[in-house]
Amino acid sequence: MGTFFDKLSANLTNESRKLSQKVKNSTDASRLMSEITAENKNIQENLNAIGKLYYDICKDEPDEAFRAMVEAITRSEQRIAELRESIKTIRAREPELVPVPDDIPSASPAQSTKPSAMVCMGCGNTYAEGNVFCAVCGQKLVPQYQNAAAASSAPAQTAADVQTKPEEPVKTSESEIIDAEIIEEKINLQKTTSDENVDKNKKCCPYCGKIISFEGQAFCDDCGHAL
């Protein structure tokens, strides 16, 4: 009779061997299943090759048993060819572009331009004969020409020449006083005659009574006050 420990040792050994056998069985079975899968793949490849060979040889006059499958393959090949042509057309499509407007021509600094009127040295705005201050920027006008006729007959100038402000001579106190007296006298004279000569429907300068030349005028072109 064996002892308790002999029985225990034999049971442990048997359980270990059972577990090992199960692992081995599973491994061997998996290996054989892999071989079956490989053989099935080989069969499928050969069947495909046989089918392709039969289709290539007999597609024009197939056996009645294969006619439906051959015709289905032919339709699929035709559809694939149509889809490939559609892909080429799609890839060659161009976007619908918005028309690009032409660039607005602008006078370059080097381009010669001939002034048709007298021009403000501060902002380049043209002004009428007799104006004292620029109606756009309010700067006192420094005449380039004696009148508009002289401006139109002047030699060609560049845009830079027209709008380049010349250096003004330094005024003495006496010249400033004379200018102020002339302007004041002119303002007083226009104030006394504005009620008789000015059209009631036209806007006038509140300081000197001069008729405003255009809508949106920023400065009086006679007295230089902001409007």
C-alpha atoms as a PDB file:
ATOM      1  CA  MET A   1       0.000   0.000   0.000  1.00  0.00           C
ATOM      2  CA  GLY A   2       1.260   3.416  -0.830  1.00  0.00           C
ATOM      3  CA  THR A   3       1.439   6.219   1.588  1.00  0.00           C
ATOM      4  CA  PHE A   4      -0.586   9.406   1.433  1.00  0.00           C
ATOM      5  CA  PHE A   5       2.325  11.315  -0.095  1.00  0.00           C
ATOM      6  CA  ASP A   6       2.793   8.701  -2.824  1.00  0.00           C
ATOM      7  CA  LYS A   7      -0.837   9.097  -3.843  1.00  0.00           C
ATOM      8  CA  LEU A   8      -0.549  12.878  -3.795  1.00  0.00           C
ATOM      9  CA  SER A   9       2.565  12.830  -5.953  1.00  0.00           C
ATOM     10  CA  ALA A  10       0.967  10.467  -8.474  1.00  0.00           C
ATOM     11  CA  ASN A  11      -2.156  12.698  -8.745  1.00  0.00           C
ATOM     12  CA  LEU A  12      -0.089  15.829  -9.327  1.00  0.00           C
ATOM     13  CA  THR A  13       1.954  14.101 -12.002  1.00  0.00           C
ATOM     14  CA  ASN A  14      -1.177  12.886 -13.787  1.00  0.00           C
ATOM     15  CA  GLU A  15      -2.813  16.319 -13.763  1.00  0.00           C
ATOM     16  CA  SER A  16       0.342  17.863 -15.151  1.00  0.00           C
ATOM     17  CA  ARG A  17       0.498  15.303 -17.920  1.00  0.00           C
ATOM     18  CA  LYS A  18      -3.194  15.846 -18.779  1.00  0.00           C
ATOM     19  CA  LEU A  19      -2.614  19.605 -19.082  1.00  0.00           C
ATOM     20  CA  SER A  20       0.478  19.139 -21.219  1.00  0.00           C
ATOM     21  CA  GLN A  21      -1.377  16.725 -23.498  1.00  0.00           C
ATOM     22  CA  LYS A  22      -4.220  19.200 -23.968  1.00  0.00           C
ATOM     23  CA  VAL A  23      -1.753  21.923 -24.953  1.00  0.00           C
ATOM     24  CA  LYS A  24       0.001  19.588 -27.383  1.00  0.00           C
ATOM     25  CA  ASN A  25      -3.314  18.449 -28.869  1.00  0.00           C
ATOM     26  CA  SER A  26      -4.420  22.052 -29.397  1.00  0.00           C
ATOM     27  CA  THR A  27      -1.104  22.970 -31.006  1.00  0.00           C
ATOM     28  CA  ASP A  28      -1.136  19.998 -33.363  1.00  0.00           C
ATOM     29  CA  ALA A  29      -4.757  20.627 -34.291  1.00  0.00           C
ATOM     30  CA  SER A  30      -4.040  24.322 -35.006  1.00  0.00           C
ATOM     31  CA  ARG A  31      -1.129  23.352 -37.242  1.00  0.00           C
ATOM     32  CA  LEU A  32      -3.326  20.961 -39.210  1.00  0.00           C
ATOM     33  CA  MET A  33      -6.092  23.640 -39.499  1.00  0.00           C
ATOM     34  CA  SER A  34      -3.499  26.006 -40.940  1.00  0.00           C
ATOM     35  CA  GLU A  35      -2.570  23.390 -43.512  1.00  0.00           C
ATOM     36  CA  ILE A  36      -6.254  22.937 -44.388  1.00  0.00           C
ATOM     37  CA  THR A  37      -6.632  26.717 -44.830  1.00  0.00           C
ATOM     38  CA  ALA A  38      -3.596  26.806 -47.095  1.00  0.00           C
ATOM     39  CA  GLU A  39      -4.971  23.936 -49.190  1.00  0.00           C
ATOM     40  CA  ASN A  40      -8.376  25.623 -49.474  1.00  0.00           C
ATOM     41  CA  LYS A  41      -6.656  28.816 -50.617  1.00  0.00           C
ATOM     42  CA  ASN A  42      -4.716  26.822 -53.195  1.00  0.00           C
ATOM     43  CA  ILE A  43      -7.950  25.210 -54.428  1.00  0.00           C
ATOM     44  CA  GLN A  44      -9.660  28.631 -54.670  1.00  0.00           C
ATOM     45  CA  GLU A  45      -6.768  30.097 -56.632  1.00  0.00           C
ATOM     46  CA  ASN A  46      -6.817  27.171 -59.066  1.00  0.00           C
ATOM     47  CA  LEU A  47     -10.598  27.380 -59.427  1.00  0.00           C
ATOM     48  CA  ASN A  48     -10.261  31.092 -60.168  1.00  0.00           C
ATOM     49  CA  ALA A  49      -7.566  30.338 -62.720  1.00  0.00           C
ATOM     50  CA  ILE A  50      -9.730  27.648 -64.333  1.00  0.00           C
ATOM     51  CA  GLY A  51     -12.710  30.019 -64.414  1.00  0.00           C
ATOM     52  CA  LYS A  52     -10.611  32.836 -65.901  1.00  0.00           C
ATOM     53  CA  LEU A  53      -9.148  30.478 -68.482  1.00  0.00           C
ATOM     54  CA  TYR A  54     -12.596  29.161 -69.409  1.00  0.00           C
ATOM     55  CA  TYR A  55     -13.975  32.691 -69.639  1.00  0.00           C
ATOM     56  CA  ASP A  56     -11.130  33.833 -71.898  1.00  0.00           C
ATOM     57  CA  ILE A  57     -11.550  30.813 -74.172  1.00  0.00           C
ATOM     58  CA  CYS A  58     -15.325  30.407 -74.229  1.00  0.00           C
ATOM     59  CA  LYS A  59     -16.756  33.849 -73.458  1.00  0.00           C
ATOM     60  CA  ASP A  60     -18.019  34.265 -77.038  1.00  0.00           C
ATOM     61  CA  GLU A  61     -19.706  30.830 -77.136  1.00  0.00           C
ATOM     62  CA  PRO A  62     -20.018  29.576 -73.532  1.00  0.00           C
ATOM     63  CA  ASP A  63     -21.619  26.308 -72.543  1.00  0.00           C
ATOM     64  CA  GLU A  64     -25.248  26.724 -71.554  1.00  0.00           C
ATOM     65  CA  ALA A  65     -24.462  25.832 -67.920  1.00  0.00           C
ATOM     66  CA  PHE A  66     -22.000  28.717 -67.687  1.00  0.00           C
ATOM     67  CA  ARG A  67     -23.732  31.279 -69.921  1.00  0.00           C
ATOM     68  CA  ALA A  68     -25.313  33.328 -67.095  1.00  0.00           C
ATOM     69  CA  MET A  69     -22.033  33.605 -65.170  1.00  0.00           C
ATOM     70  CA  VAL A  70     -20.043  34.500 -68.314  1.00  0.00           C
ATOM     71  CA  GLU A  71     -22.528  37.208 -69.280  1.00  0.00           C
ATOM     72  CA  ALA A  72     -22.456  38.621 -65.709  1.00  0.00           C
ATOM     73  CA  ILE A  73     -18.667  38.850 -65.862  1.00  0.00           C
ATOM     74  CA  THR A  74     -18.854  40.571 -69.271  1.00  0.00           C
ATOM     75  CA  ARG A  75     -21.309  43.176 -67.959  1.00  0.00           C
ATOM     76  CA  SER A  76     -19.089  43.850 -64.941  1.00  0.00           C
ATOM     77  CA  GLU A  77     -16.033  44.361 -67.170  1.00  0.00           C
ATOM     78  CA  GLN A  78     -17.976  46.822 -69.330  1.00  0.00           C
ATOM     79  CA  ARG A  79     -19.152  48.707 -66.247  1.00  0.00           C
ATOM     80  CA  ILE A  80     -15.588  48.877 -64.904  1.00  0.00           C
ATOM     81  CA  ALA A  81     -14.421  50.369 -68.215  1.00  0.00           C
ATOM     82  CA  GLU A  82     -17.178  53.027 -68.036  1.00  0.00           C
ATOM     83  CA  LEU A  83     -16.278  53.885 -64.442  1.00  0.00           C
ATOM     84  CA  ARG A  84     -12.598  54.288 -65.353  1.00  0.00           C
ATOM     85  CA  GLU A  85     -13.534  56.767 -68.103  1.00  0.00           C
ATOM     86  CA  SER A  86     -15.711  58.684 -65.637  1.00  0.00           C
ATOM     87  CA  ILE A  87     -12.767  58.876 -63.220  1.00  0.00           C
ATOM     88  CA  LYS A  88     -10.561  60.342 -65.978  1.00  0.00           C
ATOM     89  CA  THR A  89     -13.225  62.953 -66.760  1.00  0.00           C
ATOM     90  CA  ILE A  90     -13.617  63.896 -63.088  1.00  0.00           C
ATOM     91  CA  ARG A  91      -9.873  64.255 -62.567  1.00  0.00           C
ATOM     92  CA  ALA A  92      -9.627  66.513 -65.622  1.00  0.00           C
ATOM     93  CA  ARG A  93     -12.404  68.875 -64.483  1.00  0.00           C
ATOM     94  CA  GLU A  94     -11.425  72.523 -64.015  1.00  0.00           C
ATOM     95  CA  PRO A  95     -12.942  74.808 -61.357  1.00  0.00           C
ATOM     96  CA  GLU A  96     -15.372  77.510 -62.437  1.00  0.00           C
ATOM     97  CA  LEU A  97     -13.331  80.657 -61.956  1.00  0.00           C
ATOM     98  CA  VAL A  98     -14.680  84.117 -61.209  1.00  0.00           C
ATOM     99  CA  PRO A  99     -13.686  86.728 -63.817  1.00  0.00           C
ATOM    100  CA  VAL A 100     -10.799  88.831 -62.545  1.00  0.00           C
ATOM    101  CA  PRO A 101     -11.358  92.552 -63.215  1.00  0.00           C
ATOM    102  CA  ASP A 102      -8.635  94.412 -65.036  1.00  0.00           C
ATOM    103  CA  ASP A 103      -6.312  96.522 -62.953  1.00  0.00           C
ATOM    104  CA  ILE A 104      -7.232 100.188 -62.822  1.00  0.00           C
ATOM    105  CA  PRO A 105      -4.443 102.042 -64.617  1.00  0.00           C
ATOM    106  CA  SER A 106      -2.673 104.503 -62.396  1.00  0.00           C
ATOM    107  CA  ALA A 107      -0.176 107.156 -63.289  1.00  0.00           C
ATOM    108  CA  SER A 108       3.299 106.106 -62.228  1.00  0.00           C
ATOM    109  CA  PRO A 109       5.575 108.701 -60.662  1.00  0.00           C
ATOM    110  CA  ALA A 110       7.689 108.726 -63.802  1.00  0.00           C
ATOM    111  CA  GLN A 111       4.720 109.233 -66.180  1.00  0.00           C
ATOM    112  CA  SER A 112       4.358 112.720 -67.565  1.00  0.00           C
ATOM    113  CA  THR A 113       0.988 114.337 -66.982  1.00  0.00           C
ATOM    114  CA  LYS A 114      -0.244 117.713 -68.086  1.00  0.00           C
ATOM    115  CA  PRO A 115      -2.402 119.564 -65.545  1.00  0.00           C
ATOM    116  CA  SER A 116      -5.677 120.957 -66.839  1.00  0.00           C
ATOM    117  CA  ALA A 117      -6.215 123.249 -63.827  1.00  0.00           C
ATOM    118  CA  MET A 118      -4.371 124.680 -60.870  1.00  0.00           C
ATOM    119  CA  VAL A 119      -3.480 122.105 -58.203  1.00  0.00           C
ATOM    120  CA  CYS A 120      -3.227 122.310 -54.387  1.00  0.00           C
ATOM    121  CA  MET A 121       0.314 121.575 -53.217  1.00  0.00           C
ATOM    122  CA  GLY A 122      -0.963 119.895 -50.049  1.00  0.00           C
ATOM    123  CA  CYS A 123      -3.460 117.310 -51.331  1.00  0.00           C
ATOM    124  CA  GLY A 124      -3.385 117.567 -55.143  1.00  0.00           C
ATOM    125  CA  ASN A 125      -6.981 118.802 -55.437  1.00  0.00           C
ATOM    126  CA  THR A 126      -7.640 121.074 -58.400  1.00  0.00           C
ATOM    127  CA  TYR A 127      -9.168 124.441 -57.679  1.00  0.00           C
ATOM    128  CA  ALA A 128     -10.764 127.295 -59.567  1.00  0.00           C
ATOM    129  CA  GLU A 129      -9.159 130.608 -60.324  1.00  0.00           C
ATOM    130  CA  GLY A 130      -9.578 133.082 -57.464  1.00  0.00           C
ATOM    131  CA  ASN A 131      -9.680 130.543 -54.610  1.00  0.00           C
ATOM    132  CA  VAL A 132      -7.475 131.420 -51.633  1.00  0.00           C
ATOM    133  CA  PHE A 133      -7.709 128.225 -49.557  1.00  0.00           C
ATOM    134  CA  CYS A 134      -8.074 124.561 -50.605  1.00  0.00           C
ATOM    135  CA  ALA A 135     -11.674 123.356 -50.199  1.00  0.00           C
ATOM    136  CA  VAL A 136     -10.461 119.813 -49.314  1.00  0.00           C
ATOM    137  CA  CYS A 137      -7.536 120.197 -46.905  1.00  0.00           C
ATOM    138  CA  GLY A 138      -7.889 123.882 -45.916  1.00  0.00           C
ATOM    139  CA  GLN A 139      -4.313 124.764 -46.798  1.00  0.00           C
ATOM    140  CA  LYS A 140      -3.569 128.223 -48.191  1.00  0.00           C
ATOM    141  CA  LEU A 141      -3.103 127.879 -51.937  1.00  0.00           C
ATOM    142  CA  VAL A 142       0.261 128.627 -53.518  1.00  0.00           C
ATOM    143  CA  PRO A 143      -0.477 129.261 -57.211  1.00  0.00           C
ATOM    144  CA  GLN A 144       1.655 127.369 -59.721  1.00  0.00           C
ATOM    145  CA  TYR A 145       0.092 129.223 -62.634  1.00  0.00           C
ATOM    146  CA  GLN A 146      -1.470 132.645 -63.024  1.00  0.00           C
ATOM    147  CA  ASN A 147      -4.746 131.182 -64.348  1.00  0.00           C
ATOM    148  CA  ALA A 148      -6.347 127.994 -65.691  1.00  0.00           C
ATOM    149  CA  ALA A 149      -5.344 128.849 -69.262  1.00  0.00           C
ATOM    150  CA  ALA A 150      -1.698 128.989 -68.224  1.00  0.00           C
ATOM    151  CA  ALA A 151      -2.076 125.627 -66.481  1.00  0.00           C
ATOM    152  CA  SER A 152      -3.511 123.942 -69.591  1.00  0.00           C
ATOM    153  CA  SER A 153      -0.708 125.274 -71.778  1.00  0.00           C
ATOM    154  CA  ALA A 154       2.056 124.431 -69.282  1.00  0.00           C
ATOM    155  CA  PRO A 155       4.697 121.810 -70.177  1.00  0.00           C
ATOM    156  CA  ALA A 156       4.122 118.221 -69.064  1.00  0.00           C
ATOM    157  CA  GLN A 157       4.953 117.429 -65.460  1.00  0.00           C
ATOM    158  CA  THR A 158       5.167 114.249 -63.416  1.00  0.00           C
ATOM    159  CA  ALA A 159       2.598 113.475 -60.730  1.00  0.00           C
ATOM    160  CA  ALA A 160       5.316 113.991 -58.143  1.00  0.00           C
ATOM    161  CA  ASP A 161       5.970 117.479 -59.489  1.00  0.00           C
ATOM    162  CA  VAL A 162       2.298 118.425 -59.337  1.00  0.00           C
ATOM    163  CA  GLN A 163       1.761 117.354 -55.725  1.00  0.00           C
ATOM    164  CA  THR A 164       5.125 118.326 -54.269  1.00  0.00           C
ATOM    165  CA  LYS A 165       4.746 121.301 -51.981  1.00  0.00           C
ATOM    166  CA  PRO A 166       7.462 123.921 -52.660  1.00  0.00           C
ATOM    167  CA  GLU A 167       9.337 125.486 -49.828  1.00  0.00           C
ATOM    168  CA  GLU A 168       7.518 128.591 -48.707  1.00  0.00           C
ATOM    169  CA  PRO A 169       9.568 131.706 -48.030  1.00  0.00           C
ATOM    170  CA  VAL A 170       9.709 132.801 -44.415  1.00  0.00           C
ATOM    171  CA  LYS A 171       7.216 135.608 -43.978  1.00  0.00           C
ATOM    172  CA  THR A 172       8.015 138.697 -42.043  1.00  0.00           C
ATOM    173  CA  SER A 173       5.589 140.020 -39.505  1.00  0.00           C
ATOM    174  CA  GLU A 174       4.744 142.842 -41.900  1.00  0.00           C
ATOM    175  CA  SER A 175       3.725 140.455 -44.726  1.00  0.00           C
ATOM    176  CA  GLU A 176       1.581 138.437 -42.334  1.00  0.00           C
ATOM    177  CA  ILE A 177      -0.188 141.603 -41.250  1.00  0.00           C
ATOM    178  CA  ILE A 178      -0.791 142.611 -44.857  1.00  0.00           C
ATOM    179  CA  ASP A 179      -2.229 139.171 -45.677  1.00  0.00           C
ATOM    180  CA  ALA A 180      -4.490 139.307 -42.650  1.00  0.00           C
ATOM    181  CA  GLU A 181      -5.716 142.798 -43.589  1.00  0.00           C
ATOM    182  CA  ILE A 182      -6.444 141.716 -47.170  1.00  0.00           C
ATOM    183  CA  ILE A 183      -8.377 138.645 -46.028  1.00  0.00           C
ATOM    184  CA  GLU A 184     -10.314 140.612 -43.413  1.00  0.00           C
ATOM    185  CA  GLU A 185     -11.218 143.290 -45.929  1.00  0.00           C
ATOM    186  CA  LYS A 186     -12.367 140.673 -48.409  1.00  0.00           C
ATOM    187  CA  ILE A 187     -14.461 138.893 -45.758  1.00  0.00           C
ATOM    188  CA  ASN A 188     -16.151 142.137 -44.696  1.00  0.00           C
ATOM    189  CA  LEU A 189     -16.878 143.069 -48.289  1.00  0.00           C
ATOM    190  CA  GLN A 190     -18.461 139.698 -49.037  1.00  0.00           C
ATOM    191  CA  LYS A 191     -20.512 139.770 -45.826  1.00  0.00           C
ATOM    192  CA  THR A 192     -22.060 143.113 -46.785  1.00  0.00           C
ATOM    193  CA  THR A 193     -22.984 141.920 -50.299  1.00  0.00           C
ATOM    194  CA  SER A 194     -23.885 138.272 -49.602  1.00  0.00           C
ATOM    195  CA  ASP A 195     -27.575 138.979 -48.816  1.00  0.00           C
ATOM    196  CA  GLU A 196     -28.059 140.739 -52.164  1.00  0.00           C
ATOM    197  CA  ASN A 197     -26.053 138.440 -54.459  1.00  0.00           C
ATOM    198  CA  VAL A 198     -26.325 134.927 -52.968  1.00  0.00           C
ATOM    199  CA  ASP A 199     -28.990 132.470 -54.084  1.00  0.00           C
ATOM    200  CA  LYS A 200     -31.087 131.564 -51.033  1.00  0.00           C
ATOM    201  CA  ASN A 201     -31.172 127.886 -52.099  1.00  0.00           C
ATOM    202  CA  LYS A 202     -27.377 127.530 -52.019  1.00  0.00           C
ATOM    203  CA  LYS A 203     -25.274 126.940 -48.901  1.00  0.00           C
ATOM    204  CA  CYS A 204     -22.772 129.613 -47.959  1.00  0.00           C
ATOM    205  CA  CYS A 205     -19.770 129.884 -45.674  1.00  0.00           C
ATOM    206  CA  PRO A 206     -21.026 131.147 -42.273  1.00  0.00           C
ATOM    207  CA  TYR A 207     -17.851 133.233 -41.868  1.00  0.00           C
ATOM    208  CA  CYS A 208     -17.496 135.062 -45.170  1.00  0.00           C
ATOM    209  CA  GLY A 209     -20.693 134.289 -47.089  1.00  0.00           C
ATOM    210  CA  LYS A 210     -18.903 132.614 -50.043  1.00  0.00           C
ATOM    211  CA  ILE A 211     -21.080 130.056 -51.871  1.00  0.00           C
ATOM    212  CA  ILE A 212     -19.994 126.482 -51.107  1.00  0.00           C
ATOM    213  CA  SER A 213     -18.550 125.017 -54.304  1.00  0.00           C
ATOM    214  CA  PHE A 214     -19.619 121.367 -53.903  1.00  0.00           C
ATOM    215  CA  GLU A 215     -21.430 119.004 -51.537  1.00  0.00           C
ATOM    216  CA  GLY A 216     -19.166 117.738 -48.750  1.00  0.00           C
ATOM    217  CA  GLN A 217     -16.729 120.654 -48.982  1.00  0.00           C
ATOM    218  CA  ALA A 218     -14.560 120.613 -45.839  1.00  0.00           C
ATOM    219  CA  PHE A 219     -13.057 124.127 -45.909  1.00  0.00           C
ATOM    220  CA  CYS A 220     -14.085 127.441 -47.385  1.00  0.00           C
ATOM    221  CA  ASP A 221     -12.009 128.084 -50.489  1.00  0.00           C
ATOM    222  CA  ASP A 222     -12.032 131.809 -49.838  1.00  0.00           C
ATOM    223  CA  CYS A 223     -11.446 132.342 -46.104  1.00  0.00           C
ATOM    224  CA  GLY A 224     -10.070 128.910 -45.139  1.00  0.00           C
ATOM    225  CA  HIS A 225     -12.438 128.251 -42.208  1.00  0.00           C
ATOM    226  CA  ALA A 226     -13.601 124.703 -41.558  1.00  0.00           C
ATOM    227  CA  LEU A 227     -17.228 124.224 -42.622  1.00  0.00           C
END
